[in-house]
């Protein structure tokens, strides 16, 4: 895959090659999002951006906040999550380096629907609503491109709801591992190693179940020869069999 470039602290820098193409549907990347605009408009938007750094465990915003901006992760990683009144959390997604987040509130001005927390020390490029919207209104082609991207993201969220609410755990976990392999998988010796940096508690949060249930099901998949585990890395030994379970 070709190297991608992002704007980081005022400079362009290359991202490392990946052996697995990330799904355009799953993620809004910096290069895809801003390439919708003419170069002069893109430069104007970026020139007006500000950069902020957050320590691990610091919240960029909380669910219900109304400060309307979008951001690009230039280093580190964000966790997007929701917390119920009883304290249970659901990990909605991860925002990696070079990816866009917060665009929904930027566009509609409504309160945030998730919490955004720095998982590690993280630097963000922040773009305010009063900078972005005039550029979007002046470029209808870009507007339609943004709408298409948001529709694609909505489909992923609906698929996630289906995954959590309607399927049994073996099917949910199989589908989720296959999705993670498309985003974080690395080909090694003819096998796919998932290096997403997610422990069993995080997997449980993503699938709205307990760490203990995830542990039990991962052990079951291991016993069936479908996967192997080493630390937080998960290797898919039989992807086709996992796809049969996921169907």
C-alpha atoms as a PDB file:
ATOM      1  CA  UNK A   1       0.000   0.000   0.000  1.00  0.00           C
ATOM      2  CA  UNK A   2       1.256   3.506  -0.759  1.00  0.00           C
ATOM      3  CA  UNK A   3       2.395   5.624   2.136  1.00  0.00           C
ATOM      4  CA  UNK A   4      -0.169   8.172   3.266  1.00  0.00           C
ATOM      5  CA  UNK A   5       0.712  11.670   4.432  1.00  0.00           C
ATOM      6  CA  UNK A   6      -0.837  13.719   7.210  1.00  0.00           C
ATOM      7  CA  UNK A   7      -0.295  17.235   8.415  1.00  0.00           C
ATOM      8  CA  UNK A   8       1.410  17.005  11.785  1.00  0.00           C
ATOM      9  CA  UNK A   9       2.415  20.094  13.769  1.00  0.00           C
ATOM     10  CA  UNK A  10       2.814  22.131  10.603  1.00  0.00           C
ATOM     11  CA  UNK A  11       4.797  19.559   8.620  1.00  0.00           C
ATOM     12  CA  UNK A  12       4.003  16.703   6.294  1.00  0.00           C
ATOM     13  CA  UNK A  13       5.295  13.318   7.311  1.00  0.00           C
ATOM     14  CA  UNK A  14       4.883   9.814   5.952  1.00  0.00           C
ATOM     15  CA  UNK A  15       2.884   7.086   7.602  1.00  0.00           C
ATOM     16  CA  UNK A  16       4.374   3.574   7.626  1.00  0.00           C
ATOM     17  CA  UNK A  17       3.208   1.088   5.042  1.00  0.00           C
ATOM     18  CA  UNK A  18       0.582  -1.436   6.089  1.00  0.00           C
ATOM     19  CA  UNK A  19       0.058  -4.887   4.597  1.00  0.00           C
ATOM     20  CA  UNK A  20      -3.698  -4.618   5.025  1.00  0.00           C
ATOM     21  CA  UNK A  21      -5.664  -1.768   3.414  1.00  0.00           C
ATOM     22  CA  UNK A  22      -7.834   0.013   5.990  1.00  0.00           C
ATOM     23  CA  UNK A  23     -11.497   0.126   5.070  1.00  0.00           C
ATOM     24  CA  UNK A  24     -12.592   3.498   3.684  1.00  0.00           C
ATOM     25  CA  UNK A  25     -16.017   2.783   5.140  1.00  0.00           C
ATOM     26  CA  UNK A  26     -14.760   2.241   8.680  1.00  0.00           C
ATOM     27  CA  UNK A  27     -12.619   5.335   9.077  1.00  0.00           C
ATOM     28  CA  UNK A  28     -12.506   8.981   8.087  1.00  0.00           C
ATOM     29  CA  UNK A  29      -8.869   9.630   7.263  1.00  0.00           C
ATOM     30  CA  UNK A  30      -7.237  13.023   7.039  1.00  0.00           C
ATOM     31  CA  UNK A  31      -6.101  12.610   3.441  1.00  0.00           C
ATOM     32  CA  UNK A  32      -9.511  11.430   2.206  1.00  0.00           C
ATOM     33  CA  UNK A  33     -11.458  14.051   4.147  1.00  0.00           C
ATOM     34  CA  UNK A  34      -9.462  17.144   3.189  1.00  0.00           C
ATOM     35  CA  UNK A  35      -8.733  16.079  -0.383  1.00  0.00           C
ATOM     36  CA  UNK A  36     -12.395  16.894  -1.066  1.00  0.00           C
ATOM     37  CA  UNK A  37     -11.417  20.588  -1.025  1.00  0.00           C
ATOM     38  CA  UNK A  38      -9.355  22.532  -3.594  1.00  0.00           C
ATOM     39  CA  UNK A  39      -5.708  22.926  -2.509  1.00  0.00           C
ATOM     40  CA  UNK A  40      -6.062  26.644  -1.678  1.00  0.00           C
ATOM     41  CA  UNK A  41      -9.127  26.025   0.505  1.00  0.00           C
ATOM     42  CA  UNK A  42      -7.468  23.054   2.176  1.00  0.00           C
ATOM     43  CA  UNK A  43      -4.417  25.158   2.991  1.00  0.00           C
ATOM     44  CA  UNK A  44      -6.587  27.940   4.424  1.00  0.00           C
ATOM     45  CA  UNK A  45      -8.427  25.511   6.716  1.00  0.00           C
ATOM     46  CA  UNK A  46      -5.199  23.944   7.959  1.00  0.00           C
ATOM     47  CA  UNK A  47      -3.476  27.301   8.456  1.00  0.00           C
ATOM     48  CA  UNK A  48      -6.249  28.302  10.870  1.00  0.00           C
ATOM     49  CA  UNK A  49      -6.035  25.081  12.879  1.00  0.00           C
ATOM     50  CA  UNK A  50      -4.562  24.940  16.379  1.00  0.00           C
ATOM     51  CA  UNK A  51      -2.649  22.086  17.993  1.00  0.00           C
ATOM     52  CA  UNK A  52      -3.283  20.693  21.466  1.00  0.00           C
ATOM     53  CA  UNK A  53      -1.670  17.862  23.425  1.00  0.00           C
ATOM     54  CA  UNK A  54      -3.450  15.668  25.982  1.00  0.00           C
ATOM     55  CA  UNK A  55      -1.960  13.370  28.597  1.00  0.00           C
ATOM     56  CA  UNK A  56      -3.106   9.732  28.747  1.00  0.00           C
ATOM     57  CA  UNK A  57      -6.482   9.498  30.470  1.00  0.00           C
ATOM     58  CA  UNK A  58      -7.418  13.113  29.718  1.00  0.00           C
ATOM     59  CA  UNK A  59     -10.790  13.777  28.093  1.00  0.00           C
ATOM     60  CA  UNK A  60     -10.857  15.877  24.936  1.00  0.00           C
ATOM     61  CA  UNK A  61     -14.607  16.206  25.356  1.00  0.00           C
ATOM     62  CA  UNK A  62     -17.451  14.467  27.171  1.00  0.00           C
ATOM     63  CA  UNK A  63     -20.827  13.278  26.023  1.00  0.00           C
ATOM     64  CA  UNK A  64     -23.184  16.261  26.061  1.00  0.00           C
ATOM     65  CA  UNK A  65     -20.476  18.901  25.473  1.00  0.00           C
ATOM     66  CA  UNK A  66     -21.363  21.526  22.871  1.00  0.00           C
ATOM     67  CA  UNK A  67     -17.953  22.969  21.904  1.00  0.00           C
ATOM     68  CA  UNK A  68     -18.152  22.485  18.124  1.00  0.00           C
ATOM     69  CA  UNK A  69     -14.874  21.474  16.542  1.00  0.00           C
ATOM     70  CA  UNK A  70     -13.387  18.556  14.691  1.00  0.00           C
ATOM     71  CA  UNK A  71      -9.907  17.181  15.050  1.00  0.00           C
ATOM     72  CA  UNK A  72      -7.187  15.101  13.445  1.00  0.00           C
ATOM     73  CA  UNK A  73      -5.025  12.815  15.583  1.00  0.00           C
ATOM     74  CA  UNK A  74      -1.449  13.748  14.645  1.00  0.00           C
ATOM     75  CA  UNK A  75       0.088  11.442  17.277  1.00  0.00           C
ATOM     76  CA  UNK A  76      -1.279   8.997  19.844  1.00  0.00           C
ATOM     77  CA  UNK A  77      -4.780   7.492  19.915  1.00  0.00           C
ATOM     78  CA  UNK A  78      -8.262   8.412  21.162  1.00  0.00           C
ATOM     79  CA  UNK A  79     -10.893   6.159  22.709  1.00  0.00           C
ATOM     80  CA  UNK A  80     -14.495   7.015  21.817  1.00  0.00           C
ATOM     81  CA  UNK A  81     -16.853   5.574  24.416  1.00  0.00           C
ATOM     82  CA  UNK A  82     -20.221   5.827  26.143  1.00  0.00           C
ATOM     83  CA  UNK A  83     -20.861   5.271  29.843  1.00  0.00           C
ATOM     84  CA  UNK A  84     -24.224   4.165  31.246  1.00  0.00           C
ATOM     85  CA  UNK A  85     -25.640   5.506  34.509  1.00  0.00           C
ATOM     86  CA  UNK A  86     -24.583   2.280  36.283  1.00  0.00           C
ATOM     87  CA  UNK A  87     -20.974   2.872  35.240  1.00  0.00           C
ATOM     88  CA  UNK A  88     -20.790   0.277  32.471  1.00  0.00           C
ATOM     89  CA  UNK A  89     -18.870   1.516  29.450  1.00  0.00           C
ATOM     90  CA  UNK A  90     -19.072   0.696  25.752  1.00  0.00           C
ATOM     91  CA  UNK A  91     -16.004   1.367  23.612  1.00  0.00           C
ATOM     92  CA  UNK A  92     -17.508   2.750  20.413  1.00  0.00           C
ATOM     93  CA  UNK A  93     -14.268   3.046  18.492  1.00  0.00           C
ATOM     94  CA  UNK A  94     -10.636   4.063  18.335  1.00  0.00           C
ATOM     95  CA  UNK A  95      -9.294   7.072  16.465  1.00  0.00           C
ATOM     96  CA  UNK A  96      -5.789   6.445  15.208  1.00  0.00           C
ATOM     97  CA  UNK A  97      -3.032   8.726  13.987  1.00  0.00           C
ATOM     98  CA  UNK A  98      -4.057  10.499  10.798  1.00  0.00           C
ATOM     99  CA  UNK A  99      -7.788  10.033  11.378  1.00  0.00           C
ATOM    100  CA  UNK A 100     -10.594  12.572  11.719  1.00  0.00           C
ATOM    101  CA  UNK A 101     -13.060  12.734  14.627  1.00  0.00           C
ATOM    102  CA  UNK A 102     -15.764  15.035  15.984  1.00  0.00           C
ATOM    103  CA  UNK A 103     -17.127  15.998  12.581  1.00  0.00           C
ATOM    104  CA  UNK A 104     -20.788  15.394  13.480  1.00  0.00           C
ATOM    105  CA  UNK A 105     -21.018  18.117  16.152  1.00  0.00           C
ATOM    106  CA  UNK A 106     -18.919  20.370  13.940  1.00  0.00           C
ATOM    107  CA  UNK A 107     -21.586  20.074  11.234  1.00  0.00           C
ATOM    108  CA  UNK A 108     -24.861  20.089  13.187  1.00  0.00           C
ATOM    109  CA  UNK A 109     -23.860  22.042  16.318  1.00  0.00           C
ATOM    110  CA  UNK A 110     -25.611  19.484  18.545  1.00  0.00           C
ATOM    111  CA  UNK A 111     -24.125  18.039  21.777  1.00  0.00           C
ATOM    112  CA  UNK A 112     -21.495  15.309  21.652  1.00  0.00           C
ATOM    113  CA  UNK A 113     -22.799  11.735  21.621  1.00  0.00           C
ATOM    114  CA  UNK A 114     -19.643  10.090  23.028  1.00  0.00           C
ATOM    115  CA  UNK A 115     -16.694  10.729  25.312  1.00  0.00           C
ATOM    116  CA  UNK A 116     -13.318  11.227  23.633  1.00  0.00           C
ATOM    117  CA  UNK A 117     -10.358  10.229  25.820  1.00  0.00           C
ATOM    118  CA  UNK A 118      -6.636  10.169  25.079  1.00  0.00           C
ATOM    119  CA  UNK A 119      -5.485   6.568  25.480  1.00  0.00           C
ATOM    120  CA  UNK A 120      -1.826   7.652  25.423  1.00  0.00           C
ATOM    121  CA  UNK A 121      -0.185  11.067  25.181  1.00  0.00           C
ATOM    122  CA  UNK A 122      -1.962  12.457  22.129  1.00  0.00           C
ATOM    123  CA  UNK A 123      -1.599  15.543  19.936  1.00  0.00           C
ATOM    124  CA  UNK A 124      -4.556  16.863  17.947  1.00  0.00           C
ATOM    125  CA  UNK A 125      -5.030  19.325  15.126  1.00  0.00           C
ATOM    126  CA  UNK A 126      -8.228  21.229  16.018  1.00  0.00           C
ATOM    127  CA  UNK A 127     -10.456  22.902  13.418  1.00  0.00           C
ATOM    128  CA  UNK A 128     -13.259  25.163  14.621  1.00  0.00           C
ATOM    129  CA  UNK A 129     -16.784  25.222  13.202  1.00  0.00           C
ATOM    130  CA  UNK A 130     -16.589  28.875  12.125  1.00  0.00           C
ATOM    131  CA  UNK A 131     -13.540  27.999  10.013  1.00  0.00           C
ATOM    132  CA  UNK A 132     -14.820  24.806   8.430  1.00  0.00           C
ATOM    133  CA  UNK A 133     -18.468  25.591   7.600  1.00  0.00           C
ATOM    134  CA  UNK A 134     -17.815  28.615   5.330  1.00  0.00           C
ATOM    135  CA  UNK A 135     -15.325  26.516   3.352  1.00  0.00           C
ATOM    136  CA  UNK A 136     -17.849  23.690   3.077  1.00  0.00           C
ATOM    137  CA  UNK A 137     -20.682  25.989   1.945  1.00  0.00           C
ATOM    138  CA  UNK A 138     -18.445  27.465  -0.737  1.00  0.00           C
ATOM    139  CA  UNK A 139     -17.549  24.016  -2.131  1.00  0.00           C
ATOM    140  CA  UNK A 140     -20.690  21.954  -2.925  1.00  0.00           C
ATOM    141  CA  UNK A 141     -18.669  19.028  -4.291  1.00  0.00           C
ATOM    142  CA  UNK A 142     -16.857  18.743  -0.970  1.00  0.00           C
ATOM    143  CA  UNK A 143     -20.191  18.940   0.844  1.00  0.00           C
ATOM    144  CA  UNK A 144     -21.534  15.926  -1.033  1.00  0.00           C
ATOM    145  CA  UNK A 145     -18.300  14.056  -0.369  1.00  0.00           C
ATOM    146  CA  UNK A 146     -18.623  14.725   3.369  1.00  0.00           C
ATOM    147  CA  UNK A 147     -22.250  13.553   3.297  1.00  0.00           C
ATOM    148  CA  UNK A 148     -21.192  10.314   1.603  1.00  0.00           C
ATOM    149  CA  UNK A 149     -18.475   9.732   4.204  1.00  0.00           C
ATOM    150  CA  UNK A 150     -20.914  10.333   7.068  1.00  0.00           C
ATOM    151  CA  UNK A 151     -23.472   7.968   5.525  1.00  0.00           C
ATOM    152  CA  UNK A 152     -20.778   5.300   5.309  1.00  0.00           C
ATOM    153  CA  UNK A 153     -19.880   5.857   8.952  1.00  0.00           C
ATOM    154  CA  UNK A 154     -23.565   5.634   9.946  1.00  0.00           C
ATOM    155  CA  UNK A 155     -23.790   2.249   8.232  1.00  0.00           C
ATOM    156  CA  UNK A 156     -20.851   1.046  10.315  1.00  0.00           C
ATOM    157  CA  UNK A 157     -22.522   2.248  13.519  1.00  0.00           C
ATOM    158  CA  UNK A 158     -25.752   0.459  12.570  1.00  0.00           C
ATOM    159  CA  UNK A 159     -23.769  -2.695  11.838  1.00  0.00           C
ATOM    160  CA  UNK A 160     -22.165  -2.353  15.269  1.00  0.00           C
ATOM    161  CA  UNK A 161     -25.592  -2.072  16.920  1.00  0.00           C
ATOM    162  CA  UNK A 162     -26.661  -5.218  15.098  1.00  0.00           C
ATOM    163  CA  UNK A 163     -23.458  -6.907  16.217  1.00  0.00           C
ATOM    164  CA  UNK A 164     -23.986  -6.022  19.886  1.00  0.00           C
ATOM    165  CA  UNK A 165     -27.745  -6.360  20.215  1.00  0.00           C
ATOM    166  CA  UNK A 166     -28.791  -9.181  17.914  1.00  0.00           C
ATOM    167  CA  UNK A 167     -26.013 -11.770  17.691  1.00  0.00           C
ATOM    168  CA  UNK A 168     -24.662 -14.420  20.071  1.00  0.00           C
ATOM    169  CA  UNK A 169     -21.156 -13.943  21.442  1.00  0.00           C
ATOM    170  CA  UNK A 170     -19.298 -16.415  19.158  1.00  0.00           C
ATOM    171  CA  UNK A 171     -20.733 -14.694  16.069  1.00  0.00           C
ATOM    172  CA  UNK A 172     -20.139 -11.212  17.523  1.00  0.00           C
ATOM    173  CA  UNK A 173     -16.531 -11.956  18.415  1.00  0.00           C
ATOM    174  CA  UNK A 174     -15.796 -13.681  15.093  1.00  0.00           C
ATOM    175  CA  UNK A 175     -17.155 -10.712  13.140  1.00  0.00           C
ATOM    176  CA  UNK A 176     -15.272  -8.280  15.317  1.00  0.00           C
ATOM    177  CA  UNK A 177     -11.960 -10.102  14.957  1.00  0.00           C
ATOM    178  CA  UNK A 178     -12.379 -10.108  11.178  1.00  0.00           C
ATOM    179  CA  UNK A 179     -13.094  -6.381  11.240  1.00  0.00           C
ATOM    180  CA  UNK A 180     -10.050  -5.734  13.421  1.00  0.00           C
ATOM    181  CA  UNK A 181      -7.940  -7.794  11.030  1.00  0.00           C
ATOM    182  CA  UNK A 182      -8.902  -5.467   8.157  1.00  0.00           C
ATOM    183  CA  UNK A 183      -7.853  -2.426  10.200  1.00  0.00           C
ATOM    184  CA  UNK A 184      -4.916  -3.655  12.267  1.00  0.00           C
ATOM    185  CA  UNK A 185      -3.916  -6.944  10.677  1.00  0.00           C
ATOM    186  CA  UNK A 186      -0.330  -7.623   9.609  1.00  0.00           C
ATOM    187  CA  UNK A 187       0.570 -10.541   7.339  1.00  0.00           C
ATOM    188  CA  UNK A 188       3.210 -12.749   8.962  1.00  0.00           C
ATOM    189  CA  UNK A 189       4.149 -16.191   7.643  1.00  0.00           C
ATOM    190  CA  UNK A 190       0.871 -16.478   5.760  1.00  0.00           C
ATOM    191  CA  UNK A 191      -1.193 -15.621   8.832  1.00  0.00           C
ATOM    192  CA  UNK A 192      -2.904 -12.412   9.968  1.00  0.00           C
ATOM    193  CA  UNK A 193      -1.709 -10.983  13.276  1.00  0.00           C
ATOM    194  CA  UNK A 194      -4.017  -8.390  14.838  1.00  0.00           C
ATOM    195  CA  UNK A 195      -1.997  -5.747  16.661  1.00  0.00           C
ATOM    196  CA  UNK A 196      -4.703  -3.348  17.819  1.00  0.00           C
ATOM    197  CA  UNK A 197      -3.353  -2.935  21.347  1.00  0.00           C
ATOM    198  CA  UNK A 198      -6.687  -4.034  22.821  1.00  0.00           C
ATOM    199  CA  UNK A 199      -6.836  -6.129  25.969  1.00  0.00           C
ATOM    200  CA  UNK A 200      -9.753  -8.418  26.812  1.00  0.00           C
ATOM    201  CA  UNK A 201     -11.491  -5.729  28.864  1.00  0.00           C
ATOM    202  CA  UNK A 202     -11.439  -3.376  25.853  1.00  0.00           C
ATOM    203  CA  UNK A 203     -12.777  -6.109  23.569  1.00  0.00           C
ATOM    204  CA  UNK A 204     -15.547  -6.660  26.099  1.00  0.00           C
ATOM    205  CA  UNK A 205     -16.369  -2.951  26.057  1.00  0.00           C
ATOM    206  CA  UNK A 206     -16.549  -2.994  22.277  1.00  0.00           C
ATOM    207  CA  UNK A 207     -18.958  -5.946  22.289  1.00  0.00           C
ATOM    208  CA  UNK A 208     -20.940  -4.904  25.398  1.00  0.00           C
ATOM    209  CA  UNK A 209     -19.976  -7.954  27.415  1.00  0.00           C
ATOM    210  CA  UNK A 210     -17.640  -8.825  30.269  1.00  0.00           C
ATOM    211  CA  UNK A 211     -13.911  -9.462  30.141  1.00  0.00           C
ATOM    212  CA  UNK A 212     -14.595 -12.934  31.545  1.00  0.00           C
ATOM    213  CA  UNK A 213     -16.961 -13.764  28.674  1.00  0.00           C
ATOM    214  CA  UNK A 214     -14.425 -12.549  26.110  1.00  0.00           C
ATOM    215  CA  UNK A 215     -11.691 -14.604  27.785  1.00  0.00           C
ATOM    216  CA  UNK A 216     -13.849 -17.733  27.694  1.00  0.00           C
ATOM    217  CA  UNK A 217     -14.762 -17.294  24.023  1.00  0.00           C
ATOM    218  CA  UNK A 218     -11.182 -16.535  22.969  1.00  0.00           C
ATOM    219  CA  UNK A 219     -10.087 -19.728  24.709  1.00  0.00           C
ATOM    220  CA  UNK A 220     -12.825 -21.611  22.844  1.00  0.00           C
ATOM    221  CA  UNK A 221     -11.615 -20.236  19.495  1.00  0.00           C
ATOM    222  CA  UNK A 222      -8.052 -21.144  20.467  1.00  0.00           C
ATOM    223  CA  UNK A 223      -9.098 -24.692  21.330  1.00  0.00           C
ATOM    224  CA  UNK A 224     -10.822 -24.987  17.940  1.00  0.00           C
ATOM    225  CA  UNK A 225      -7.624 -23.966  16.160  1.00  0.00           C
ATOM    226  CA  UNK A 226      -9.136 -20.728  14.860  1.00  0.00           C
ATOM    227  CA  UNK A 227      -6.796 -18.273  16.600  1.00  0.00           C
ATOM    228  CA  UNK A 228      -3.716 -18.080  18.770  1.00  0.00           C
ATOM    229  CA  UNK A 229      -2.902 -15.449  21.389  1.00  0.00           C
ATOM    230  CA  UNK A 230       0.283 -13.818  22.606  1.00  0.00           C
ATOM    231  CA  UNK A 231      -0.247 -10.940  24.986  1.00  0.00           C
ATOM    232  CA  UNK A 232      -2.772  -8.615  23.346  1.00  0.00           C
ATOM    233  CA  UNK A 233      -1.881  -9.877  19.849  1.00  0.00           C
ATOM    234  CA  UNK A 234      -4.373 -12.253  18.236  1.00  0.00           C
ATOM    235  CA  UNK A 235      -3.384 -14.345  15.210  1.00  0.00           C
ATOM    236  CA  UNK A 236      -6.095 -15.596  12.855  1.00  0.00           C
ATOM    237  CA  UNK A 237      -5.162 -19.183  11.989  1.00  0.00           C
ATOM    238  CA  UNK A 238      -8.342 -20.012  10.064  1.00  0.00           C
ATOM    239  CA  UNK A 239     -10.029 -16.833   8.774  1.00  0.00           C
ATOM    240  CA  UNK A 240     -12.448 -18.735   6.527  1.00  0.00           C
ATOM    241  CA  UNK A 241     -13.762 -20.758   9.465  1.00  0.00           C
ATOM    242  CA  UNK A 242     -14.198 -17.552  11.425  1.00  0.00           C
ATOM    243  CA  UNK A 243     -16.169 -16.112   8.483  1.00  0.00           C
ATOM    244  CA  UNK A 244     -18.445 -19.155   8.583  1.00  0.00           C
ATOM    245  CA  UNK A 245     -19.113 -18.497  12.268  1.00  0.00           C
ATOM    246  CA  UNK A 246     -19.648 -14.791  11.599  1.00  0.00           C
ATOM    247  CA  UNK A 247     -22.279 -15.370   8.886  1.00  0.00           C
END
